[in-house]
Amino acid sequence: MIAKNKPLKELYFNEIIPSMMKEYNYKNELQVPKLSKVIINMGIGEGTRNSEIIDIHAKELALIAGQKPVITKAKRSISNFKLREGMPVGVKVTLRGMQMYNFLYKLIHVVLPKLRDFRGLNPNSFDGRGNYSLGLPEQLVFPEMKADKVKRIQGMNIVVVTTSSTNEEARSLLKGLGMPFKKV
């Protein structure tokens, strides 16, 4: 069972490693999958026409993640979208180490319970290599965001990258960390 006040890194070393070694018959602790990084991405299509929006969302993402985001640019031109190569189309941040664990703790225990009509995360959103993706409809669910300061609602994608080779190992790792998956 997950203790809400226990840091995720401590939980991983004290409880998840021993339980996964027993469950998957690992011979060495280093075989146990671990979290590699968390990537938070905001795709801002309107940013091609208005660079001020990109700057606003970059500041918001910096508040949410605690780290300065990188502005992503278009890789190729698409005339139907009036998009040229090199135009800003979003912002992203990659978290590792303690910032990653702190963000995941906040996501699991503060943000996801605040979502309206939340019944759990889709347990099938793995990519086949042990990485999990989820989307949030708005940035207002984070405690750092004040509703009166937000000018534009923007969703975001969050990818949790693990070192596991299968979806089943990654699912049990994330479930051990407290990720609230739906019952299938």
N, C-alpha and C. Protein backbone atom coordinates (compact mmCIF):
# COMPACT_ATOMS: atom_id res chain seq x y z
N MET A 1 0.85 -1.19 0.00
CA MET A 1 0.00 0.00 0.00
C MET A 1 0.88 1.24 0.00
N ILE A 2 0.43 2.28 -0.63
CA ILE A 2 1.21 3.51 -0.78
C ILE A 2 0.93 4.46 0.37
N ALA A 3 2.00 4.92 0.98
CA ALA A 3 1.87 5.94 2.03
C ALA A 3 1.97 7.31 1.38
N LYS A 4 0.99 8.16 1.60
CA LYS A 4 0.95 9.47 0.94
C LYS A 4 2.11 10.37 1.33
N ASN A 5 2.61 10.26 2.53
CA ASN A 5 3.64 11.18 2.97
C ASN A 5 5.06 10.67 2.72
N LYS A 6 5.20 9.49 2.14
CA LYS A 6 6.51 8.91 1.88
C LYS A 6 7.02 9.39 0.52
N PRO A 7 8.26 9.89 0.46
CA PRO A 7 8.81 10.32 -0.82
C PRO A 7 8.91 9.13 -1.79
N LEU A 8 8.67 9.40 -3.08
CA LEU A 8 8.63 8.33 -4.06
C LEU A 8 9.96 7.60 -4.20
N LYS A 9 11.05 8.32 -4.11
CA LYS A 9 12.36 7.68 -4.27
C LYS A 9 12.61 6.70 -3.13
N GLU A 10 12.25 7.09 -1.92
CA GLU A 10 12.39 6.21 -0.76
C GLU A 10 11.47 4.99 -0.90
N LEU A 11 10.26 5.21 -1.38
CA LEU A 11 9.31 4.14 -1.62
C LEU A 11 9.86 3.16 -2.64
N TYR A 12 10.48 3.68 -3.70
CA TYR A 12 11.05 2.83 -4.75
C TYR A 12 12.13 1.92 -4.18
N PHE A 13 13.07 2.48 -3.42
CA PHE A 13 14.18 1.67 -2.91
C PHE A 13 13.76 0.72 -1.79
N ASN A 14 12.84 1.13 -0.93
CA ASN A 14 12.49 0.31 0.23
C ASN A 14 11.41 -0.73 -0.04
N GLU A 15 10.48 -0.46 -0.96
CA GLU A 15 9.36 -1.37 -1.15
C GLU A 15 9.24 -1.93 -2.56
N ILE A 16 9.42 -1.10 -3.57
CA ILE A 16 9.18 -1.54 -4.94
C ILE A 16 10.27 -2.50 -5.42
N ILE A 17 11.54 -2.18 -5.15
CA ILE A 17 12.63 -3.06 -5.60
C ILE A 17 12.47 -4.47 -5.01
N PRO A 18 12.28 -4.61 -3.68
CA PRO A 18 12.12 -5.98 -3.15
C PRO A 18 10.89 -6.72 -3.71
N SER A 19 9.77 -6.01 -3.85
CA SER A 19 8.57 -6.68 -4.34
C SER A 19 8.69 -7.07 -5.82
N MET A 20 9.33 -6.22 -6.63
CA MET A 20 9.49 -6.57 -8.05
C MET A 20 10.54 -7.65 -8.25
N MET A 21 11.55 -7.71 -7.39
CA MET A 21 12.55 -8.78 -7.48
C MET A 21 11.89 -10.13 -7.22
N LYS A 22 10.96 -10.14 -6.26
CA LYS A 22 10.25 -11.37 -5.94
C LYS A 22 9.26 -11.73 -7.06
N GLU A 23 8.53 -10.71 -7.56
CA GLU A 23 7.49 -10.96 -8.56
C GLU A 23 8.06 -11.41 -9.90
N TYR A 24 9.16 -10.79 -10.36
CA TYR A 24 9.71 -11.09 -11.68
C TYR A 24 10.98 -11.95 -11.61
N ASN A 25 11.33 -12.45 -10.44
CA ASN A 25 12.49 -13.32 -10.24
C ASN A 25 13.79 -12.72 -10.76
N TYR A 26 14.02 -11.45 -10.43
CA TYR A 26 15.28 -10.82 -10.80
C TYR A 26 16.37 -11.33 -9.86
N LYS A 27 17.57 -11.49 -10.38
CA LYS A 27 18.70 -11.95 -9.57
C LYS A 27 19.45 -10.78 -8.95
N ASN A 28 19.35 -9.58 -9.56
CA ASN A 28 20.12 -8.42 -9.14
C ASN A 28 19.18 -7.22 -9.04
N GLU A 29 19.43 -6.33 -8.09
CA GLU A 29 18.60 -5.12 -7.94
C GLU A 29 18.66 -4.22 -9.17
N LEU A 30 19.76 -4.27 -9.89
CA LEU A 30 19.91 -3.41 -11.06
C LEU A 30 19.03 -3.84 -12.24
N GLN A 31 18.49 -5.06 -12.18
CA GLN A 31 17.58 -5.51 -13.22
C GLN A 31 16.18 -4.91 -13.06
N VAL A 32 15.87 -4.44 -11.87
CA VAL A 32 14.55 -3.88 -11.59
C VAL A 32 14.39 -2.58 -12.38
N PRO A 33 13.29 -2.44 -13.13
CA PRO A 33 13.07 -1.20 -13.89
C PRO A 33 12.97 0.00 -12.96
N LYS A 34 13.40 1.14 -13.47
CA LYS A 34 13.31 2.38 -12.68
C LYS A 34 12.84 3.50 -13.60
N LEU A 35 12.48 4.62 -12.96
CA LEU A 35 12.08 5.79 -13.72
C LEU A 35 13.31 6.43 -14.34
N SER A 36 13.21 6.79 -15.60
CA SER A 36 14.33 7.41 -16.29
C SER A 36 14.15 8.92 -16.36
N LYS A 37 12.97 9.35 -16.85
CA LYS A 37 12.68 10.79 -16.97
C LYS A 37 11.19 10.99 -17.16
N VAL A 38 10.77 12.23 -16.97
CA VAL A 38 9.38 12.63 -17.22
C VAL A 38 9.43 13.82 -18.17
N ILE A 39 8.70 13.73 -19.27
CA ILE A 39 8.67 14.79 -20.27
C ILE A 39 7.28 15.42 -20.26
N ILE A 40 7.23 16.75 -20.12
CA ILE A 40 5.96 17.48 -20.13
C ILE A 40 5.98 18.35 -21.38
N ASN A 41 4.96 18.21 -22.22
CA ASN A 41 4.92 18.90 -23.49
C ASN A 41 3.60 19.64 -23.66
N MET A 42 3.68 20.89 -24.10
CA MET A 42 2.49 21.66 -24.46
C MET A 42 2.61 22.01 -25.95
N GLY A 43 1.74 21.44 -26.76
CA GLY A 43 1.71 21.80 -28.18
C GLY A 43 0.81 23.01 -28.36
N ILE A 44 1.38 24.12 -28.82
CA ILE A 44 0.63 25.37 -28.92
C ILE A 44 0.57 25.77 -30.39
N GLY A 45 -0.50 25.36 -31.07
CA GLY A 45 -0.62 25.65 -32.49
C GLY A 45 -0.75 27.13 -32.78
N GLU A 46 -1.40 27.85 -31.88
CA GLU A 46 -1.61 29.29 -32.07
C GLU A 46 -0.30 30.08 -31.92
N GLY A 47 0.73 29.43 -31.41
CA GLY A 47 2.01 30.10 -31.19
C GLY A 47 2.70 30.53 -32.47
N THR A 48 2.30 29.95 -33.60
CA THR A 48 2.91 30.34 -34.88
C THR A 48 2.51 31.76 -35.26
N ARG A 49 1.31 32.17 -34.87
CA ARG A 49 0.83 33.51 -35.22
C ARG A 49 1.10 34.53 -34.13
N ASN A 50 1.25 34.05 -32.88
CA ASN A 50 1.39 34.98 -31.76
C ASN A 50 2.46 34.44 -30.81
N SER A 51 3.65 35.02 -30.89
CA SER A 51 4.76 34.52 -30.06
C SER A 51 4.57 34.85 -28.58
N GLU A 52 3.71 35.79 -28.26
CA GLU A 52 3.44 36.15 -26.87
C GLU A 52 2.80 34.97 -26.13
N ILE A 53 1.98 34.19 -26.83
CA ILE A 53 1.33 33.03 -26.22
C ILE A 53 2.37 31.98 -25.83
N ILE A 54 3.37 31.80 -26.68
CA ILE A 54 4.45 30.85 -26.37
C ILE A 54 5.16 31.26 -25.08
N ASP A 55 5.46 32.56 -24.95
CA ASP A 55 6.15 33.05 -23.76
C ASP A 55 5.30 32.86 -22.50
N ILE A 56 4.00 33.11 -22.60
CA ILE A 56 3.09 32.95 -21.45
C ILE A 56 3.08 31.50 -21.00
N HIS A 57 2.92 30.58 -21.96
CA HIS A 57 2.85 29.16 -21.60
C HIS A 57 4.21 28.63 -21.14
N ALA A 58 5.29 29.20 -21.63
CA ALA A 58 6.63 28.80 -21.16
C ALA A 58 6.79 29.17 -19.69
N LYS A 59 6.30 30.35 -19.31
CA LYS A 59 6.37 30.76 -17.89
C LYS A 59 5.49 29.86 -17.02
N GLU A 60 4.31 29.52 -17.52
CA GLU A 60 3.42 28.63 -16.76
C GLU A 60 4.03 27.25 -16.58
N LEU A 61 4.63 26.72 -17.65
CA LEU A 61 5.25 25.40 -17.56
C LEU A 61 6.46 25.42 -16.63
N ALA A 62 7.18 26.54 -16.61
CA ALA A 62 8.31 26.68 -15.68
C ALA A 62 7.82 26.65 -14.23
N LEU A 63 6.67 27.28 -13.97
CA LEU A 63 6.09 27.24 -12.62
C LEU A 63 5.67 25.82 -12.24
N ILE A 64 5.04 25.12 -13.18
CA ILE A 64 4.54 23.78 -12.91
C ILE A 64 5.69 22.80 -12.69
N ALA A 65 6.70 22.84 -13.55
CA ALA A 65 7.76 21.84 -13.52
C ALA A 65 8.93 22.23 -12.62
N GLY A 66 9.10 23.53 -12.35
CA GLY A 66 10.22 23.96 -11.55
C GLY A 66 11.52 24.01 -12.34
N GLN A 67 11.41 24.07 -13.65
CA GLN A 67 12.58 24.07 -14.52
C GLN A 67 12.21 24.83 -15.79
N LYS A 68 13.16 25.54 -16.37
CA LYS A 68 12.89 26.35 -17.56
C LYS A 68 12.65 25.45 -18.77
N PRO A 69 11.53 25.65 -19.47
CA PRO A 69 11.22 24.81 -20.63
C PRO A 69 11.97 25.25 -21.89
N VAL A 70 12.00 24.35 -22.87
CA VAL A 70 12.59 24.60 -24.17
C VAL A 70 11.46 24.86 -25.15
N ILE A 71 11.63 25.84 -26.03
CA ILE A 71 10.63 26.11 -27.06
C ILE A 71 10.88 25.18 -28.23
N THR A 72 9.85 24.39 -28.59
CA THR A 72 9.99 23.47 -29.71
C THR A 72 9.60 24.18 -30.99
N LYS A 73 10.28 23.83 -32.07
CA LYS A 73 10.05 24.49 -33.36
C LYS A 73 9.63 23.45 -34.39
N ALA A 74 8.93 23.91 -35.43
CA ALA A 74 8.46 23.03 -36.49
C ALA A 74 9.64 22.44 -37.26
N LYS A 75 9.59 21.14 -37.52
CA LYS A 75 10.69 20.49 -38.24
C LYS A 75 10.59 20.68 -39.74
N ARG A 76 9.35 20.81 -40.24
CA ARG A 76 9.18 21.02 -41.68
C ARG A 76 8.00 21.95 -41.93
N SER A 77 7.97 22.49 -43.11
CA SER A 77 6.90 23.41 -43.50
C SER A 77 5.66 22.64 -43.93
N ILE A 78 4.49 23.14 -43.49
CA ILE A 78 3.21 22.56 -43.90
C ILE A 78 2.32 23.72 -44.33
N SER A 79 2.09 23.82 -45.64
CA SER A 79 1.40 24.99 -46.17
C SER A 79 -0.07 25.06 -45.73
N ASN A 80 -0.73 23.89 -45.56
CA ASN A 80 -2.14 23.90 -45.14
C ASN A 80 -2.33 24.53 -43.76
N PHE A 81 -1.32 24.43 -42.90
CA PHE A 81 -1.40 25.01 -41.57
C PHE A 81 -0.70 26.35 -41.47
N LYS A 82 -0.25 26.89 -42.62
CA LYS A 82 0.51 28.14 -42.66
C LYS A 82 1.70 28.06 -41.70
N LEU A 83 2.40 26.95 -41.77
CA LEU A 83 3.51 26.67 -40.88
C LEU A 83 4.80 26.56 -41.68
N ARG A 84 5.80 27.30 -41.25
CA ARG A 84 7.11 27.23 -41.90
C ARG A 84 8.11 26.58 -40.96
N GLU A 85 9.11 25.97 -41.53
CA GLU A 85 10.14 25.32 -40.75
C GLU A 85 10.80 26.33 -39.80
N GLY A 86 10.95 25.93 -38.55
CA GLY A 86 11.60 26.79 -37.57
C GLY A 86 10.65 27.66 -36.76
N MET A 87 9.35 27.67 -37.09
CA MET A 87 8.39 28.46 -36.31
C MET A 87 8.14 27.78 -34.96
N PRO A 88 7.94 28.55 -33.89
CA PRO A 88 7.66 27.93 -32.58
C PRO A 88 6.26 27.31 -32.56
N VAL A 89 6.20 26.04 -32.09
CA VAL A 89 4.91 25.34 -32.06
C VAL A 89 4.57 24.78 -30.68
N GLY A 90 5.46 24.95 -29.69
CA GLY A 90 5.17 24.42 -28.37
C GLY A 90 6.32 24.63 -27.40
N VAL A 91 6.12 24.13 -26.19
CA VAL A 91 7.15 24.17 -25.16
C VAL A 91 7.20 22.80 -24.47
N LYS A 92 8.40 22.40 -24.07
CA LYS A 92 8.53 21.13 -23.36
C LYS A 92 9.63 21.23 -22.32
N VAL A 93 9.55 20.34 -21.34
CA VAL A 93 10.56 20.27 -20.30
C VAL A 93 10.79 18.80 -19.97
N THR A 94 12.04 18.43 -19.74
CA THR A 94 12.41 17.07 -19.36
C THR A 94 12.93 17.10 -17.93
N LEU A 95 12.30 16.32 -17.07
CA LEU A 95 12.68 16.27 -15.66
C LEU A 95 13.39 14.96 -15.35
N ARG A 96 14.47 15.07 -14.61
CA ARG A 96 15.22 13.89 -14.15
C ARG A 96 15.54 14.07 -12.66
N GLY A 97 15.96 13.00 -12.02
CA GLY A 97 16.40 13.08 -10.63
C GLY A 97 15.27 13.45 -9.66
N MET A 98 15.62 14.23 -8.65
CA MET A 98 14.65 14.58 -7.62
C MET A 98 13.50 15.42 -8.15
N GLN A 99 13.75 16.27 -9.15
CA GLN A 99 12.65 17.06 -9.73
C GLN A 99 11.61 16.14 -10.36
N MET A 100 12.06 15.05 -10.98
CA MET A 100 11.15 14.08 -11.58
C MET A 100 10.30 13.43 -10.50
N TYR A 101 10.93 12.98 -9.40
CA TYR A 101 10.18 12.34 -8.32
C TYR A 101 9.21 13.32 -7.66
N ASN A 102 9.64 14.56 -7.46
CA ASN A 102 8.76 15.56 -6.86
C ASN A 102 7.56 15.85 -7.75
N PHE A 103 7.80 15.96 -9.07
CA PHE A 103 6.69 16.22 -9.99
C PHE A 103 5.71 15.06 -10.00
N LEU A 104 6.22 13.83 -10.04
CA LEU A 104 5.34 12.66 -10.05
C LEU A 104 4.52 12.56 -8.77
N TYR A 105 5.14 12.88 -7.64
CA TYR A 105 4.40 12.87 -6.37
C TYR A 105 3.25 13.87 -6.44
N LYS A 106 3.55 15.08 -6.94
CA LYS A 106 2.53 16.11 -7.06
C LYS A 106 1.43 15.68 -8.03
N LEU A 107 1.82 15.06 -9.13
CA LEU A 107 0.85 14.60 -10.14
C LEU A 107 -0.08 13.54 -9.55
N ILE A 108 0.51 12.56 -8.86
CA ILE A 108 -0.28 11.44 -8.34
C ILE A 108 -1.18 11.84 -7.17
N HIS A 109 -0.65 12.64 -6.24
CA HIS A 109 -1.38 12.90 -5.00
C HIS A 109 -2.15 14.22 -4.96
N VAL A 110 -1.84 15.16 -5.88
CA VAL A 110 -2.51 16.45 -5.84
C VAL A 110 -3.32 16.71 -7.12
N VAL A 111 -2.68 16.54 -8.27
CA VAL A 111 -3.29 16.95 -9.54
C VAL A 111 -4.37 15.97 -10.01
N LEU A 112 -4.05 14.69 -10.11
CA LEU A 112 -5.02 13.73 -10.63
C LEU A 112 -6.30 13.65 -9.80
N PRO A 113 -6.24 13.69 -8.46
CA PRO A 113 -7.49 13.70 -7.70
C PRO A 113 -8.34 14.96 -7.93
N LYS A 114 -7.71 16.06 -8.39
CA LYS A 114 -8.46 17.30 -8.64
C LYS A 114 -9.21 17.28 -9.97
N LEU A 115 -8.89 16.34 -10.86
CA LEU A 115 -9.55 16.30 -12.17
C LEU A 115 -11.02 15.96 -12.02
N ARG A 116 -11.82 16.64 -12.82
CA ARG A 116 -13.26 16.42 -12.78
C ARG A 116 -13.59 15.06 -13.40
N ASP A 117 -14.47 14.31 -12.79
CA ASP A 117 -14.91 12.99 -13.25
C ASP A 117 -13.74 12.02 -13.44
N PHE A 118 -12.76 12.09 -12.56
CA PHE A 118 -11.59 11.22 -12.68
C PHE A 118 -11.89 9.86 -12.07
N ARG A 119 -11.76 8.82 -12.88
CA ARG A 119 -12.01 7.46 -12.40
C ARG A 119 -10.78 6.59 -12.51
N GLY A 120 -9.65 7.18 -12.82
CA GLY A 120 -8.42 6.42 -12.95
C GLY A 120 -7.80 6.62 -14.33
N LEU A 121 -6.52 6.29 -14.43
CA LEU A 121 -5.80 6.43 -15.70
C LEU A 121 -5.99 5.18 -16.54
N ASN A 122 -5.92 5.35 -17.85
CA ASN A 122 -6.04 4.24 -18.78
C ASN A 122 -4.82 3.32 -18.62
N PRO A 123 -5.02 2.05 -18.26
CA PRO A 123 -3.88 1.16 -18.08
C PRO A 123 -3.26 0.70 -19.39
N ASN A 124 -3.83 1.06 -20.51
CA ASN A 124 -3.33 0.62 -21.81
C ASN A 124 -2.58 1.70 -22.57
N SER A 125 -2.21 2.79 -21.93
CA SER A 125 -1.52 3.89 -22.61
C SER A 125 -0.01 3.72 -22.60
N PHE A 126 0.45 2.48 -22.64
CA PHE A 126 1.88 2.20 -22.73
C PHE A 126 2.25 2.05 -24.20
N ASP A 127 3.51 2.31 -24.53
CA ASP A 127 3.93 2.31 -25.93
C ASP A 127 4.55 1.00 -26.40
N GLY A 128 4.60 -0.02 -25.56
CA GLY A 128 5.20 -1.29 -25.95
C GLY A 128 6.62 -1.43 -25.44
N ARG A 129 7.22 -0.35 -25.02
CA ARG A 129 8.59 -0.39 -24.50
C ARG A 129 8.65 0.07 -23.04
N GLY A 130 7.51 0.14 -22.37
CA GLY A 130 7.50 0.48 -20.96
C GLY A 130 7.37 1.95 -20.65
N ASN A 131 6.99 2.77 -21.61
CA ASN A 131 6.80 4.21 -21.37
C ASN A 131 5.31 4.50 -21.32
N TYR A 132 4.91 5.36 -20.39
CA TYR A 132 3.49 5.66 -20.20
C TYR A 132 3.19 7.11 -20.56
N SER A 133 2.12 7.33 -21.30
CA SER A 133 1.71 8.68 -21.71
C SER A 133 0.32 8.99 -21.18
N LEU A 134 0.15 10.24 -20.76
CA LEU A 134 -1.18 10.69 -20.36
C LEU A 134 -1.33 12.16 -20.74
N GLY A 135 -2.55 12.58 -20.90
CA GLY A 135 -2.83 13.97 -21.24
C GLY A 135 -3.68 14.62 -20.18
N LEU A 136 -3.41 15.89 -19.94
CA LEU A 136 -4.22 16.68 -19.01
C LEU A 136 -4.93 17.76 -19.82
N PRO A 137 -6.21 18.00 -19.55
CA PRO A 137 -6.98 18.95 -20.36
C PRO A 137 -6.63 20.42 -20.12
N GLU A 138 -6.09 20.75 -18.96
CA GLU A 138 -5.80 22.16 -18.66
C GLU A 138 -4.70 22.27 -17.62
N GLN A 139 -4.06 23.43 -17.60
CA GLN A 139 -2.98 23.65 -16.64
C GLN A 139 -3.49 24.12 -15.29
N LEU A 140 -4.77 24.43 -15.18
CA LEU A 140 -5.34 24.95 -13.94
C LEU A 140 -5.40 23.93 -12.81
N VAL A 141 -5.24 22.63 -13.12
CA VAL A 141 -5.31 21.61 -12.08
C VAL A 141 -4.06 21.59 -11.21
N PHE A 142 -3.01 22.26 -11.62
CA PHE A 142 -1.79 22.32 -10.82
C PHE A 142 -1.93 23.40 -9.75
N PRO A 143 -1.44 23.14 -8.54
CA PRO A 143 -1.61 24.10 -7.45
C PRO A 143 -0.87 25.43 -7.67
N GLU A 144 0.13 25.46 -8.53
CA GLU A 144 0.88 26.69 -8.79
C GLU A 144 0.09 27.69 -9.64
N MET A 145 -0.90 27.21 -10.35
CA MET A 145 -1.67 28.06 -11.27
C MET A 145 -2.83 28.74 -10.54
N LYS A 146 -2.93 30.03 -10.71
CA LYS A 146 -4.05 30.80 -10.17
C LYS A 146 -5.01 31.07 -11.32
N ALA A 147 -6.29 30.77 -11.11
CA ALA A 147 -7.28 30.86 -12.18
C ALA A 147 -7.41 32.27 -12.75
N ASP A 148 -7.26 33.30 -11.92
CA ASP A 148 -7.42 34.67 -12.41
C ASP A 148 -6.21 35.14 -13.21
N LYS A 149 -5.06 34.49 -13.06
CA LYS A 149 -3.85 34.88 -13.80
C LYS A 149 -3.75 34.21 -15.17
N VAL A 150 -4.48 33.10 -15.37
CA VAL A 150 -4.39 32.34 -16.62
C VAL A 150 -5.22 33.01 -17.69
N LYS A 151 -4.58 33.35 -18.81
CA LYS A 151 -5.28 34.02 -19.91
C LYS A 151 -5.86 33.03 -20.91
N ARG A 152 -5.24 31.87 -21.04
CA ARG A 152 -5.64 30.91 -22.06
C ARG A 152 -5.47 29.49 -21.49
N ILE A 153 -6.52 28.69 -21.59
CA ILE A 153 -6.47 27.30 -21.13
C ILE A 153 -5.66 26.49 -22.14
N GLN A 154 -4.73 25.68 -21.63
CA GLN A 154 -3.88 24.88 -22.51
C GLN A 154 -3.67 23.51 -21.90
N GLY A 155 -3.86 22.47 -22.68
CA GLY A 155 -3.63 21.10 -22.22
C GLY A 155 -2.16 20.74 -22.33
N MET A 156 -1.83 19.57 -21.83
CA MET A 156 -0.44 19.13 -21.90
C MET A 156 -0.37 17.61 -21.93
N ASN A 157 0.73 17.11 -22.49
CA ASN A 157 1.01 15.68 -22.51
C ASN A 157 2.14 15.41 -21.54
N ILE A 158 2.03 14.32 -20.81
CA ILE A 158 3.07 13.92 -19.87
C ILE A 158 3.48 12.49 -20.23
N VAL A 159 4.78 12.28 -20.43
CA VAL A 159 5.31 10.96 -20.74
C VAL A 159 6.25 10.55 -19.62
N VAL A 160 5.97 9.39 -19.03
CA VAL A 160 6.82 8.83 -17.99
C VAL A 160 7.67 7.74 -18.64
N VAL A 161 8.97 7.96 -18.71
CA VAL A 161 9.89 7.03 -19.37
C VAL A 161 10.54 6.15 -18.31
N THR A 162 10.45 4.83 -18.50
CA THR A 162 11.05 3.88 -17.57
C THR A 162 12.12 3.06 -18.29
N THR A 163 12.91 2.33 -17.53
CA THR A 163 13.94 1.48 -18.12
C THR A 163 13.43 0.07 -18.39
N SER A 164 12.15 -0.18 -18.15
CA SER A 164 11.62 -1.53 -18.34
C SER A 164 11.50 -1.84 -19.83
N SER A 165 11.52 -3.13 -20.13
CA SER A 165 11.44 -3.55 -21.53
C SER A 165 10.03 -3.96 -21.93
N THR A 166 9.16 -4.21 -20.95
CA THR A 166 7.79 -4.60 -21.26
C THR A 166 6.80 -3.68 -20.56
N ASN A 167 5.60 -3.65 -21.10
CA ASN A 167 4.54 -2.84 -20.51
C ASN A 167 4.14 -3.36 -19.14
N GLU A 168 4.15 -4.67 -18.95
CA GLU A 168 3.71 -5.26 -17.69
C GLU A 168 4.64 -4.86 -16.54
N GLU A 169 5.95 -4.86 -16.79
CA GLU A 169 6.90 -4.44 -15.77
C GLU A 169 6.70 -2.97 -15.43
N ALA A 170 6.53 -2.14 -16.46
CA ALA A 170 6.34 -0.71 -16.24
C ALA A 170 5.03 -0.45 -15.50
N ARG A 171 3.98 -1.20 -15.83
CA ARG A 171 2.70 -1.03 -15.15
C ARG A 171 2.83 -1.35 -13.66
N SER A 172 3.52 -2.43 -13.32
CA SER A 172 3.66 -2.76 -11.91
C SER A 172 4.57 -1.76 -11.19
N LEU A 173 5.58 -1.21 -11.89
CA LEU A 173 6.42 -0.16 -11.29
C LEU A 173 5.59 1.08 -10.98
N LEU A 174 4.82 1.55 -11.96
CA LEU A 174 4.01 2.76 -11.76
C LEU A 174 2.89 2.52 -10.76
N LYS A 175 2.32 1.33 -10.76
CA LYS A 175 1.28 1.01 -9.78
C LYS A 175 1.87 1.02 -8.37
N GLY A 176 3.10 0.52 -8.23
CA GLY A 176 3.78 0.55 -6.94
C GLY A 176 4.07 1.96 -6.46
N LEU A 177 4.32 2.87 -7.41
CA LEU A 177 4.56 4.27 -7.06
C LEU A 177 3.26 5.00 -6.71
N GLY A 178 2.11 4.38 -6.99
CA GLY A 178 0.83 4.98 -6.62
C GLY A 178 0.03 5.53 -7.78
N MET A 179 0.43 5.25 -9.00
CA MET A 179 -0.32 5.72 -10.18
C MET A 179 -1.71 5.08 -10.16
N PRO A 180 -2.76 5.90 -10.17
CA PRO A 180 -4.13 5.36 -10.04
C PRO A 180 -4.70 4.86 -11.37
N PHE A 181 -4.44 3.60 -11.71
CA PHE A 181 -4.96 3.02 -12.94
C PHE A 181 -6.38 2.55 -12.74
N LYS A 182 -7.17 2.61 -13.82
CA LYS A 182 -8.55 2.08 -13.80
C LYS A 182 -8.54 0.57 -13.67
N LYS A 183 -9.56 0.05 -13.08
CA LYS A 183 -9.74 -1.40 -13.05
C LYS A 183 -10.32 -1.81 -14.40
N VAL A 184 -9.71 -2.77 -15.03
CA VAL A 184 -10.17 -3.19 -16.38
C VAL A 184 -11.15 -4.32 -16.28
